[in-house]
Amino acid sequence: MSRHSVAREASQLDRRLEALNDARELAEGVLPDAALEEVYQLLERASSRRSLSADHTVVGFFGATGSGKSSLFNAVSGAEIATAAARRPTTSEPLAGVWGADGSEPLLDWLEVGNRHHAEPVAGFADEGTGLILLDLPDFDSTRAANREIVERMVGLVDVLVWVLDPQKYADAAVHNDFLAPLSAHGAVTLVVLNQVDRLPERDVQPVLESLKGILARDGLGKVQVLGASALKGTGVDKVRSAIRGVVVQRQALSQRLAADVSRASGQLREAAGAGEAAGVRPASKTRLTDELATAANVPVVVDAVARSYRIESTRRTGWPVTRWLVRFRPDPLRRLNLRSSSPSQLNRTSLPAAGAPERARTDAAVREFADAASAGAPGPWRAAIRGAAREGREALPDALDQAIAGTDLMASRKSWWWGVFNVVQWLALLTVLGGLGWLGGLAGLGYLQLPVPEVPKVEGWPVPTLLIGGGVVLGIFLALTGKFIGSGAARARAARARKRLRAAVGGVARDFVVEPVEIEVSRLASFNAALKVAGGN
């Protein structure tokens, strides 16, 4: 394999490992710790293995008791490295046959293999300069727990797995269910050898191999290479050597093994998480949430108070001066709610009724409805995470809403330009009435004192003082009624602006306490799925 191709594969593997780590980090707090721990251990193994000799391919021989695994190991090695048969009925610790000593020691230390044998070159298999380590491992069906632990550890560490089966137990559920089926993604670095074929009649060898292939296909290893061999007679040993050498020469085993591990781990994460994307936050859902929170926070009460307060203030400033003072006895709705302030930011709390059970229930229902809509389509664990994020700030939500209302500028102290015009005209009208009354009073006083009374000018037969009184009164009443009409319209307009500002404030609270936490979780799910896709090699 060319150096350029090796570098490209290494770069792709880097990208997949990084994506798998990203997926693991994104899933923290969502998926079970056990699933994430397995991924973390894989990443640690991958990092450690890649920091060691890339010039050596580690091939592990796995098999059950009596499968002839050690004998096949010797036959392939071309030397009696492993003591077999009666002198060594079971393999109790790993044993290594090493070709190419340079750089192998740290790798063997990491594998925790102390029993090492530097083997002689084997023509056509392990020549000078070949970096190869063959491991003879304990029997996977050993009754000793320590032996099985070694096998399970080595299954996760070696670059190439050679499974040695025998004609009597090749269909044993232990090897298929516990080892082969879980490693279905590792077909590219797996070799299955049916050993001891010399014990079968020649006519039965091929049917047994076909039967084994069928079982492997059901394990998900339909494309794995299956060979028949006899370590005792040397049958098929060259084919086993050739298959191993082919893997070593291509120098892909390490990358393929790690790539298969990443595929398996990403598949396990996908299985633990489930498939699917969250619907996400929609504008309609945010509007609905804001509306419900605004109602629960008594925004309609505040809006009504703004309108009533404006109407009272309009009457006080534009009403008939003779009666407008009576308005002072009417309490200001905004002042009662502690919302009339020239500096809203100075307010800490309103005097609105505290949120009771109905308001809290409405708030919780609104938050739950929003979270359900945003999490629709998400797999179970992520749906729970999204809902949890939405509920996280619910205890602080009522207080935050109250403070948001208290800090909203309701423009309660802002004067309308028409108030001044109406006020001036009202006082002129009143002065006109007082002028007419004074005129008539002066005339009456002259008459009472028997003094000459001047002729009163008339207009169309109406004395001017009388016209002044009547005109002033009519103008004052007209202005008062007109002011009420204009004030009602202006009150509605000011209430509408207050409602808009209050909804914006409530929307800000909803964004900070509900929407943004949900959006973060939705985005985390999308990033998790994207990372898993890259990690899976898609």
Protein backbone atom coordinates (compact mmCIF):
# COMPACT_ATOMS: atom_id res chain seq x y z
CA MET A 1 0.00 0.00 0.00
CA SER A 2 1.44 3.41 -0.95
CA ARG A 3 2.59 5.88 1.69
CA HIS A 4 0.06 8.37 0.34
CA SER A 5 -2.78 5.89 0.87
CA VAL A 6 -1.58 5.10 4.39
CA ALA A 7 -1.50 8.81 5.21
CA ARG A 8 -4.98 9.28 3.78
CA GLU A 9 -6.36 6.41 5.86
CA ALA A 10 -4.67 7.78 8.96
CA SER A 11 -6.25 11.18 8.33
CA GLN A 12 -9.69 9.61 7.87
CA LEU A 13 -9.23 7.61 11.06
CA ASP A 14 -8.19 10.78 12.91
CA ARG A 15 -11.38 12.46 11.74
CA ARG A 16 -13.54 9.51 12.80
CA LEU A 17 -11.90 9.20 16.21
CA GLU A 18 -12.30 12.92 16.80
CA ALA A 19 -15.96 12.71 15.76
CA LEU A 20 -16.52 9.75 18.10
CA ASN A 21 -15.00 11.70 20.97
CA ASP A 22 -17.21 14.68 20.10
CA ALA A 23 -20.27 12.42 20.14
CA ARG A 24 -19.22 11.02 23.52
CA GLU A 25 -18.78 14.49 25.02
CA LEU A 26 -22.09 15.69 23.57
CA ALA A 27 -23.90 12.69 25.04
CA GLU A 28 -22.61 13.21 28.58
CA GLY A 29 -25.52 13.56 30.95
CA VAL A 30 -27.91 12.15 28.35
CA LEU A 31 -26.80 8.57 27.72
CA PRO A 32 -25.91 5.99 30.41
CA ASP A 33 -22.43 6.33 31.85
CA ALA A 34 -21.67 2.71 31.01
CA ALA A 35 -22.13 3.31 27.27
CA LEU A 36 -19.96 6.42 27.37
CA GLU A 37 -17.29 4.67 29.43
CA GLU A 38 -16.90 1.98 26.76
CA VAL A 39 -16.37 4.66 24.14
CA TYR A 40 -13.87 6.44 26.36
CA GLN A 41 -11.91 3.22 26.87
CA LEU A 42 -11.86 2.62 23.12
CA LEU A 43 -10.53 6.13 22.51
CA GLU A 44 -7.85 5.59 25.14
CA ARG A 45 -6.87 2.24 23.56
CA ALA A 46 -6.78 3.80 20.11
CA SER A 47 -4.61 6.67 21.30
CA SER A 48 -2.22 4.32 23.06
CA ARG A 49 -1.98 1.86 20.17
CA ARG A 50 -1.34 4.57 17.60
CA SER A 51 1.43 6.02 19.74
CA LEU A 52 3.25 2.66 19.59
CA SER A 53 4.90 0.86 16.69
CA ALA A 54 2.90 1.14 13.50
CA ASP A 55 5.47 -1.12 11.79
CA HIS A 56 4.25 -4.16 13.71
CA THR A 57 1.02 -6.01 13.09
CA VAL A 58 -0.28 -7.85 16.16
CA VAL A 59 -2.07 -11.11 15.30
CA GLY A 60 -3.86 -12.96 18.10
CA PHE A 61 -4.73 -16.65 17.98
CA PHE A 62 -7.98 -17.33 19.85
CA GLY A 63 -9.55 -20.71 20.40
CA ALA A 64 -11.31 -23.08 22.76
CA THR A 65 -9.73 -25.89 24.74
CA GLY A 66 -8.72 -28.73 22.44
CA SER A 67 -8.99 -26.69 19.23
CA GLY A 68 -5.27 -27.12 18.52
CA LYS A 69 -4.71 -23.38 18.70
CA SER A 70 -1.15 -23.62 20.08
CA SER A 71 -0.24 -26.34 17.57
CA LEU A 72 -1.46 -24.15 14.71
CA PHE A 73 0.45 -21.22 16.23
CA ASN A 74 3.63 -23.32 16.11
CA ALA A 75 2.93 -24.54 12.60
CA VAL A 76 2.42 -21.03 11.30
CA SER A 77 5.49 -19.74 13.19
CA GLY A 78 7.67 -22.55 11.81
CA ALA A 79 9.04 -23.30 15.26
CA GLU A 80 8.01 -24.90 18.54
CA ILE A 81 7.41 -21.56 20.21
CA ALA A 82 4.35 -22.72 22.14
CA THR A 83 4.58 -25.95 24.13
CA ALA A 84 1.55 -27.98 23.12
CA ALA A 85 -0.17 -31.29 23.73
CA ALA A 86 0.50 -33.22 26.95
CA ARG A 87 3.29 -30.99 28.16
CA ARG A 88 1.06 -27.88 28.03
CA PRO A 89 -2.61 -28.88 27.96
CA THR A 90 -3.86 -25.30 28.28
CA THR A 91 -2.40 -21.87 27.54
CA SER A 92 -2.41 -19.91 30.81
CA GLU A 93 -0.70 -16.70 29.70
CA PRO A 94 -0.06 -14.90 26.43
CA LEU A 95 3.00 -15.90 24.47
CA ALA A 96 4.48 -13.82 21.67
CA GLY A 97 6.40 -14.79 18.59
CA VAL A 98 8.15 -11.65 17.34
CA TRP A 99 9.58 -10.88 13.91
CA GLY A 100 11.31 -7.52 13.80
CA ALA A 101 12.43 -6.70 17.33
CA ASP A 102 12.98 -2.97 16.85
CA GLY A 103 10.08 -1.06 18.36
CA SER A 104 8.25 -4.17 19.56
CA GLU A 105 9.15 -3.94 23.25
CA PRO A 106 6.94 -0.92 24.18
CA LEU A 107 4.08 -2.47 22.20
CA LEU A 108 4.44 -5.80 24.03
CA ASP A 109 4.65 -3.94 27.35
CA TRP A 110 1.36 -2.22 26.53
CA LEU A 111 -0.15 -5.60 25.61
CA GLU A 112 1.18 -6.94 28.92
CA VAL A 113 2.85 -9.89 27.24
CA GLY A 114 5.93 -10.93 29.18
CA ASN A 115 6.65 -14.24 27.49
CA ARG A 116 8.38 -13.20 24.25
CA HIS A 117 10.25 -15.20 21.64
CA HIS A 118 12.19 -13.57 18.81
CA ALA A 119 11.44 -15.96 15.99
CA GLU A 120 13.55 -16.89 13.02
CA PRO A 121 12.50 -15.65 9.57
CA VAL A 122 10.08 -17.88 7.69
CA ALA A 123 10.41 -17.70 3.92
CA GLY A 124 7.39 -16.26 2.21
CA PHE A 125 5.80 -15.39 5.53
CA ALA A 126 7.98 -13.40 7.92
CA ASP A 127 11.16 -12.27 6.18
CA GLU A 128 13.87 -9.96 7.46
CA GLY A 129 12.40 -6.55 8.28
CA THR A 130 8.85 -7.85 8.67
CA GLY A 131 7.11 -6.31 11.66
CA LEU A 132 4.91 -9.10 12.99
CA ILE A 133 3.82 -10.28 16.41
CA LEU A 134 1.89 -13.54 16.76
CA LEU A 135 0.17 -14.10 20.09
CA ASP A 136 -0.83 -17.50 21.45
CA LEU A 137 -3.58 -16.66 23.94
CA PRO A 138 -5.37 -18.57 26.72
CA ASP A 139 -8.42 -20.63 25.84
CA PHE A 140 -11.55 -18.45 25.82
CA ASP A 141 -13.58 -21.26 27.45
CA SER A 142 -11.11 -21.74 30.27
CA THR A 143 -12.58 -22.37 33.70
CA ARG A 144 -10.06 -19.90 35.11
CA ALA A 145 -11.56 -16.43 35.29
CA ALA A 146 -8.13 -14.84 34.85
CA ASN A 147 -7.66 -16.60 31.50
CA ARG A 148 -11.00 -15.44 30.18
CA GLU A 149 -10.22 -11.88 31.29
CA ILE A 150 -6.97 -12.01 29.31
CA VAL A 151 -8.83 -13.19 26.21
CA GLU A 152 -11.50 -10.51 26.53
CA ARG A 153 -8.82 -7.84 26.96
CA MET A 154 -6.79 -9.08 24.00
CA VAL A 155 -9.86 -9.19 21.77
CA GLY A 156 -9.95 -5.42 22.15
CA LEU A 157 -6.21 -4.87 21.63
CA VAL A 158 -4.82 -7.01 18.81
CA ASP A 159 -4.79 -5.79 15.21
CA VAL A 160 -5.87 -9.08 13.62
CA LEU A 161 -8.03 -11.80 15.18
CA VAL A 162 -7.48 -15.43 14.15
CA TRP A 163 -10.22 -17.68 15.51
CA VAL A 164 -9.17 -21.33 15.64
CA LEU A 165 -12.15 -23.70 15.70
CA ASP A 166 -12.32 -27.48 15.59
CA PRO A 167 -14.79 -29.73 13.74
CA GLN A 168 -16.48 -30.89 16.96
CA LYS A 169 -17.19 -27.45 18.49
CA TYR A 170 -17.13 -25.05 15.54
CA ALA A 171 -20.82 -24.19 16.16
CA ASP A 172 -20.34 -23.64 19.91
CA ALA A 173 -22.63 -20.79 21.00
CA ALA A 174 -20.01 -19.48 23.43
CA VAL A 175 -17.59 -18.34 20.74
CA HIS A 176 -20.31 -17.11 18.39
CA ASN A 177 -22.51 -15.26 20.87
CA ASP A 178 -19.79 -13.94 23.18
CA PHE A 179 -17.09 -13.06 20.67
CA LEU A 180 -17.75 -13.40 16.95
CA ALA A 181 -21.23 -11.82 16.69
CA PRO A 182 -20.27 -8.71 18.76
CA LEU A 183 -17.27 -8.27 16.42
CA SER A 184 -19.28 -8.40 13.21
CA ALA A 185 -17.85 -5.00 12.17
CA HIS A 186 -14.32 -6.45 12.30
CA GLY A 187 -14.61 -8.76 9.31
CA ALA A 188 -11.70 -7.06 7.51
CA VAL A 189 -9.30 -8.01 10.32
CA THR A 190 -10.79 -11.40 11.22
CA LEU A 191 -9.65 -14.82 9.98
CA VAL A 192 -11.44 -18.05 10.90
CA VAL A 193 -9.50 -21.31 10.71
CA LEU A 194 -11.19 -24.69 11.00
CA ASN A 195 -8.32 -26.71 12.45
CA GLN A 196 -7.96 -30.49 12.71
CA VAL A 197 -9.69 -31.12 9.39
CA ASP A 198 -7.59 -34.32 9.24
CA ARG A 199 -10.08 -35.79 11.72
CA LEU A 200 -12.87 -35.48 9.18
CA PRO A 201 -13.47 -37.76 6.23
CA GLU A 202 -12.30 -35.91 3.15
CA ARG A 203 -15.83 -35.79 1.74
CA ASP A 204 -17.07 -33.98 4.87
CA VAL A 205 -14.47 -31.20 4.94
CA GLN A 206 -16.13 -28.91 2.43
CA PRO A 207 -19.69 -29.36 3.83
CA VAL A 208 -18.42 -28.55 7.32
CA LEU A 209 -16.65 -25.44 6.01
CA GLU A 210 -19.85 -24.38 4.25
CA SER A 211 -21.81 -24.96 7.45
CA LEU A 212 -19.32 -22.80 9.35
CA LYS A 213 -19.60 -20.06 6.74
CA GLY A 214 -23.38 -20.10 7.13
CA ILE A 215 -23.13 -19.70 10.88
CA LEU A 216 -20.65 -16.85 10.46
CA ALA A 217 -22.99 -15.16 8.00
CA ARG A 218 -25.69 -15.20 10.66
CA ASP A 219 -23.14 -13.60 13.00
CA GLY A 220 -22.68 -10.77 10.52
CA LEU A 221 -19.35 -12.13 9.27
CA GLY A 222 -20.46 -13.44 5.92
CA LYS A 223 -17.45 -11.96 4.10
CA VAL A 224 -14.80 -13.15 6.55
CA GLN A 225 -12.12 -15.48 5.18
CA VAL A 226 -12.61 -19.11 6.33
CA LEU A 227 -9.79 -21.64 5.89
CA GLY A 228 -9.42 -25.32 6.65
CA ALA A 229 -6.15 -26.51 8.15
CA SER A 230 -4.44 -29.29 10.03
CA ALA A 231 -1.58 -28.24 12.28
CA LEU A 232 -0.66 -31.90 12.78
CA LYS A 233 -0.25 -32.71 9.08
CA GLY A 234 0.51 -29.22 7.81
CA THR A 235 -2.56 -29.11 5.57
CA GLY A 236 -3.66 -25.57 4.82
CA VAL A 237 -0.94 -23.98 7.00
CA ASP A 238 0.53 -22.18 3.99
CA LYS A 239 -2.88 -20.67 3.26
CA VAL A 240 -3.12 -19.41 6.84
CA ARG A 241 0.36 -17.91 6.54
CA SER A 242 -0.55 -16.33 3.20
CA ALA A 243 -3.71 -14.79 4.64
CA ILE A 244 -1.78 -13.34 7.59
CA ARG A 245 1.04 -12.12 5.38
CA GLY A 246 -1.45 -10.43 3.06
CA VAL A 247 -2.73 -8.40 5.96
CA VAL A 248 0.77 -7.56 7.18
CA VAL A 249 2.04 -6.49 3.74
CA GLN A 250 -0.91 -4.18 3.14
CA ARG A 251 -0.13 -2.43 6.44
CA GLN A 252 -3.81 -1.67 6.91
CA ALA A 253 -4.59 -3.93 9.84
CA LEU A 254 -4.09 -1.31 12.55
CA SER A 255 -6.22 1.29 10.77
CA GLN A 256 -8.87 -1.28 9.80
CA ARG A 257 -9.03 -2.63 13.33
CA LEU A 258 -9.44 0.81 14.85
CA ALA A 259 -11.89 1.83 12.14
CA ALA A 260 -13.96 -1.28 12.94
CA ASP A 261 -13.80 -0.40 16.64
CA VAL A 262 -15.03 3.11 15.89
CA SER A 263 -17.86 1.74 13.73
CA ARG A 264 -18.88 -0.63 16.48
CA ALA A 265 -18.69 2.05 19.17
CA SER A 266 -20.67 4.55 17.09
CA GLY A 267 -23.26 1.85 16.47
CA GLN A 268 -23.51 1.18 20.19
CA LEU A 269 -23.93 4.88 20.87
CA ARG A 270 -26.61 5.07 18.20
CA GLU A 271 -28.37 2.08 19.73
CA ALA A 272 -28.19 3.63 23.20
CA ALA A 273 -29.37 7.03 21.97
CA GLY A 274 -31.88 5.99 19.34
CA ALA A 275 -32.32 7.56 15.93
CA GLY A 276 -34.06 10.79 15.03
CA GLU A 277 -33.80 14.56 14.99
CA ALA A 278 -35.75 16.96 17.18
CA ALA A 279 -38.32 19.18 15.49
CA GLY A 280 -36.64 22.17 17.11
CA VAL A 281 -38.00 25.54 18.18
CA ARG A 282 -40.59 27.01 15.85
CA PRO A 283 -41.75 30.68 15.84
CA ALA A 284 -45.32 29.62 16.51
CA SER A 285 -44.22 27.67 19.58
CA LYS A 286 -42.28 30.65 20.94
CA THR A 287 -45.29 32.92 20.39
CA ARG A 288 -47.57 30.46 22.15
CA LEU A 289 -45.13 30.17 25.08
CA THR A 290 -44.84 33.95 25.40
CA ASP A 291 -48.61 34.37 25.31
CA GLU A 292 -49.16 31.80 28.04
CA LEU A 293 -46.40 33.18 30.26
CA ALA A 294 -47.71 36.72 29.76
CA THR A 295 -51.17 35.66 30.89
CA ALA A 296 -49.79 33.77 33.89
CA ALA A 297 -47.69 36.83 34.83
CA ASN A 298 -50.79 39.11 34.84
CA VAL A 299 -49.75 41.14 31.81
CA PRO A 300 -53.44 41.72 30.89
CA VAL A 301 -53.96 43.23 34.36
CA VAL A 302 -51.04 45.60 33.84
CA VAL A 303 -52.22 46.56 30.34
CA ASP A 304 -55.69 47.35 31.69
CA ALA A 305 -54.09 49.41 34.49
CA VAL A 306 -52.09 51.39 31.91
CA ALA A 307 -55.26 52.24 30.00
CA ARG A 308 -57.22 53.23 33.11
CA SER A 309 -54.32 55.23 34.50
CA TYR A 310 -54.03 57.17 31.25
CA ARG A 311 -57.73 57.93 31.18
CA ILE A 312 -57.63 59.22 34.77
CA GLU A 313 -54.60 61.38 34.03
CA SER A 314 -56.25 62.72 30.86
CA THR A 315 -59.36 63.71 32.80
CA ARG A 316 -57.24 65.37 35.47
CA ARG A 317 -55.38 67.43 32.90
CA THR A 318 -58.08 68.17 30.32
CA GLY A 319 -61.37 68.01 32.25
CA TRP A 320 -63.49 70.99 33.23
CA PRO A 321 -61.43 72.84 35.86
CA VAL A 322 -64.47 73.20 38.09
CA THR A 323 -64.87 69.42 38.51
CA ARG A 324 -61.52 67.92 37.54
CA TRP A 325 -60.24 68.06 41.11
CA LEU A 326 -62.66 65.26 41.99
CA VAL A 327 -60.48 62.88 39.94
CA ARG A 328 -57.76 63.20 42.55
CA PHE A 329 -59.84 61.01 44.84
CA ARG A 330 -59.64 58.11 42.35
CA PRO A 331 -56.59 55.87 43.02
CA ASP A 332 -54.06 55.43 40.23
CA PRO A 333 -54.13 51.73 39.12
CA LEU A 334 -50.44 51.76 38.20
CA ARG A 335 -49.42 53.27 41.51
CA ARG A 336 -51.34 50.56 43.33
CA LEU A 337 -49.34 47.98 41.35
CA ASN A 338 -46.08 49.82 42.15
CA LEU A 339 -45.55 50.40 38.43
CA ARG A 340 -45.65 54.19 38.19
CA SER A 341 -42.03 55.24 38.24
CA SER A 342 -39.91 57.53 36.14
CA SER A 343 -37.09 54.95 36.38
CA PRO A 344 -38.49 51.44 35.91
CA SER A 345 -35.04 49.93 36.35
CA GLN A 346 -35.17 51.01 40.02
CA LEU A 347 -38.14 48.75 40.67
CA ASN A 348 -37.39 45.34 42.10
CA ARG A 349 -40.88 43.96 42.53
CA THR A 350 -44.39 44.81 41.50
CA SER A 351 -47.46 44.64 43.70
CA LEU A 352 -49.14 42.19 41.37
CA PRO A 353 -50.71 39.15 43.04
CA ALA A 354 -48.11 36.44 43.69
CA ALA A 355 -48.28 33.45 41.38
CA GLY A 356 -50.65 30.93 42.91
CA ALA A 357 -51.36 27.33 42.03
CA PRO A 358 -53.41 28.18 38.89
CA GLU A 359 -50.70 30.49 37.53
CA ARG A 360 -47.95 27.98 38.27
CA ALA A 361 -49.96 25.23 36.64
CA ARG A 362 -50.46 27.40 33.57
CA THR A 363 -46.75 28.22 33.44
CA ASP A 364 -45.76 24.56 33.79
CA ALA A 365 -48.25 23.53 31.13
CA ALA A 366 -46.92 26.17 28.72
CA VAL A 367 -43.31 25.10 29.29
CA ARG A 368 -44.22 21.42 28.89
CA GLU A 369 -46.15 22.09 25.69
CA PHE A 370 -43.22 24.07 24.28
CA ALA A 371 -40.70 21.36 25.20
CA ASP A 372 -42.90 18.61 23.74
CA ALA A 373 -43.18 20.47 20.45
CA ALA A 374 -39.43 21.15 20.28
CA SER A 375 -38.48 17.56 21.19
CA ALA A 376 -40.90 15.89 18.77
CA GLY A 377 -39.04 13.32 16.71
CA ALA A 378 -36.05 13.14 19.05
CA PRO A 379 -35.04 9.74 20.49
CA GLY A 380 -36.08 8.98 24.05
CA PRO A 381 -32.96 10.03 26.02
CA TRP A 382 -32.64 13.30 24.11
CA ARG A 383 -36.35 14.00 24.42
CA ALA A 384 -35.95 13.69 28.18
CA ALA A 385 -32.89 15.98 28.07
CA ILE A 386 -34.76 18.64 26.10
CA ARG A 387 -37.71 18.52 28.47
CA GLY A 388 -35.36 18.66 31.45
CA ALA A 389 -33.64 21.75 30.02
CA ALA A 390 -37.02 23.46 29.58
CA ARG A 391 -38.01 22.74 33.19
CA GLU A 392 -34.67 23.62 34.72
CA GLY A 393 -35.52 27.26 35.41
CA ARG A 394 -39.20 26.87 36.27
CA GLU A 395 -38.71 27.66 39.98
CA ALA A 396 -37.13 31.03 39.17
CA LEU A 397 -39.52 31.79 36.31
CA PRO A 398 -42.34 33.55 38.25
CA ASP A 399 -39.90 35.88 40.01
CA ALA A 400 -38.06 36.61 36.75
CA LEU A 401 -41.35 37.44 35.03
CA ASP A 402 -42.33 39.81 37.84
CA GLN A 403 -38.98 41.57 37.65
CA ALA A 404 -39.26 41.82 33.88
CA ILE A 405 -42.64 43.54 34.23
CA ALA A 406 -41.27 45.81 36.94
CA GLY A 407 -38.39 46.80 34.69
CA THR A 408 -40.52 47.57 31.64
CA ASP A 409 -41.01 51.22 30.72
CA LEU A 410 -44.78 51.60 30.50
CA MET A 411 -44.48 55.30 29.56
CA ALA A 412 -46.78 56.05 32.48
CA SER A 413 -45.14 59.41 33.17
CA ARG A 414 -45.08 60.55 29.56
CA LYS A 415 -47.41 63.47 28.83
CA SER A 416 -49.48 63.77 25.67
CA TRP A 417 -49.11 66.97 23.63
CA TRP A 418 -52.85 67.56 23.39
CA TRP A 419 -53.24 67.74 27.16
CA GLY A 420 -51.56 71.15 27.23
CA VAL A 421 -53.72 72.52 24.41
CA PHE A 422 -56.94 71.34 26.01
CA ASN A 423 -55.85 72.58 29.42
CA VAL A 424 -55.13 76.10 28.13
CA VAL A 425 -58.44 76.26 26.27
CA GLN A 426 -60.31 74.92 29.32
CA TRP A 427 -58.87 77.64 31.51
CA LEU A 428 -59.68 80.25 28.87
CA ALA A 429 -63.24 78.94 28.81
CA LEU A 430 -63.40 79.14 32.58
CA LEU A 431 -61.98 82.66 32.53
CA THR A 432 -64.63 83.53 29.93
CA VAL A 433 -67.36 82.26 32.28
CA LEU A 434 -65.83 84.11 35.20
CA GLY A 435 -65.53 87.26 33.04
CA GLY A 436 -69.23 87.06 32.10
CA LEU A 437 -70.21 86.41 35.71
CA GLY A 438 -68.04 89.31 36.86
CA TRP A 439 -69.57 91.60 34.26
CA LEU A 440 -73.10 90.69 35.30
CA GLY A 441 -72.11 90.94 38.94
CA GLY A 442 -70.73 94.42 38.36
CA LEU A 443 -73.92 95.52 36.64
CA ALA A 444 -75.99 94.08 39.48
CA GLY A 445 -73.86 95.90 42.02
CA LEU A 446 -74.30 99.23 40.25
CA GLY A 447 -78.04 98.71 40.17
CA TYR A 448 -78.10 97.75 43.85
CA LEU A 449 -76.20 100.96 44.71
CA GLN A 450 -78.61 102.98 42.58
CA LEU A 451 -75.76 104.02 40.36
CA PRO A 452 -76.11 104.55 36.63
CA VAL A 453 -75.98 101.17 34.85
CA PRO A 454 -74.31 101.35 31.43
CA GLU A 455 -75.97 99.79 28.46
CA VAL A 456 -74.86 96.17 27.95
CA PRO A 457 -73.82 95.37 24.41
CA LYS A 458 -75.85 92.70 22.73
CA VAL A 459 -75.37 90.28 19.93
CA GLU A 460 -78.48 89.19 18.11
CA GLY A 461 -80.43 90.36 21.16
CA TRP A 462 -78.28 88.37 23.64
CA PRO A 463 -76.32 90.30 26.25
CA VAL A 464 -72.60 89.77 25.80
CA PRO A 465 -72.01 88.82 29.50
CA THR A 466 -74.64 86.12 29.20
CA LEU A 467 -73.09 84.91 25.97
CA LEU A 468 -69.69 84.81 27.65
CA ILE A 469 -71.06 82.67 30.50
CA GLY A 470 -73.01 80.35 28.23
CA GLY A 471 -70.22 80.06 25.66
CA GLY A 472 -67.59 79.33 28.33
CA VAL A 473 -69.74 76.66 29.97
CA VAL A 474 -70.60 75.00 26.66
CA LEU A 475 -66.96 75.11 25.53
CA GLY A 476 -65.76 73.63 28.80
CA ILE A 477 -68.27 70.77 28.66
CA PHE A 478 -67.50 70.18 24.98
CA LEU A 479 -63.76 70.05 25.70
CA ALA A 480 -64.31 67.69 28.63
CA LEU A 481 -66.38 65.29 26.53
CA THR A 482 -64.01 65.55 23.57
CA GLY A 483 -61.06 64.99 25.92
CA LYS A 484 -62.68 61.83 27.26
CA PHE A 485 -63.21 60.54 23.72
CA ILE A 486 -59.68 61.34 22.65
CA GLY A 487 -58.33 60.04 25.97
CA SER A 488 -60.06 56.68 25.49
CA GLY A 489 -58.49 56.25 22.06
CA ALA A 490 -55.09 57.38 23.28
CA ALA A 491 -55.42 55.08 26.31
CA ARG A 492 -56.01 52.11 24.01
CA ALA A 493 -53.00 53.10 21.92
CA ARG A 494 -50.79 53.47 25.00
CA ALA A 495 -52.07 50.16 26.37
CA ALA A 496 -51.24 48.50 23.05
CA ARG A 497 -47.70 49.87 23.19
CA ALA A 498 -47.41 48.74 26.81
CA ARG A 499 -48.65 45.29 25.85
CA LYS A 500 -46.01 45.09 23.12
CA ARG A 501 -43.25 46.12 25.52
CA LEU A 502 -44.45 43.74 28.21
CA ARG A 503 -44.65 40.84 25.76
CA ALA A 504 -41.12 41.65 24.63
CA ALA A 505 -39.98 41.57 28.28
CA VAL A 506 -41.81 38.29 28.90
CA GLY A 507 -40.37 36.95 25.65
CA GLY A 508 -36.89 37.82 26.91
CA VAL A 509 -37.50 35.84 30.09
CA ALA A 510 -38.91 32.94 28.08
CA ARG A 511 -35.84 33.06 25.84
CA ASP A 512 -33.39 33.06 28.75
CA PHE A 513 -35.11 30.48 30.94
CA VAL A 514 -36.78 28.14 28.43
CA VAL A 515 -36.08 28.75 24.74
CA GLU A 516 -32.29 29.01 24.78
CA PRO A 517 -31.75 25.95 27.05
CA VAL A 518 -34.03 23.97 24.74
CA GLU A 519 -32.26 25.26 21.63
CA ILE A 520 -28.93 24.26 23.14
CA GLU A 521 -30.15 20.69 23.70
CA VAL A 522 -31.69 20.51 20.22
CA SER A 523 -28.43 21.78 18.74
CA ARG A 524 -26.50 19.28 20.86
CA LEU A 525 -28.59 16.45 19.44
CA ALA A 526 -28.00 17.66 15.88
CA SER A 527 -24.25 17.87 16.55
CA PHE A 528 -24.33 14.42 18.17
CA ASN A 529 -26.03 12.90 15.13
CA ALA A 530 -23.61 14.65 12.79
CA ALA A 531 -20.62 13.43 14.81
CA LEU A 532 -21.98 9.88 14.85
CA LYS A 533 -22.43 10.01 11.10
CA VAL A 534 -18.79 10.98 10.62
CA ALA A 535 -17.63 8.43 13.21
CA GLY A 536 -19.59 5.72 11.42
CA GLY A 537 -17.71 6.48 8.21
CA ASN A 538 -20.69 8.00 6.40
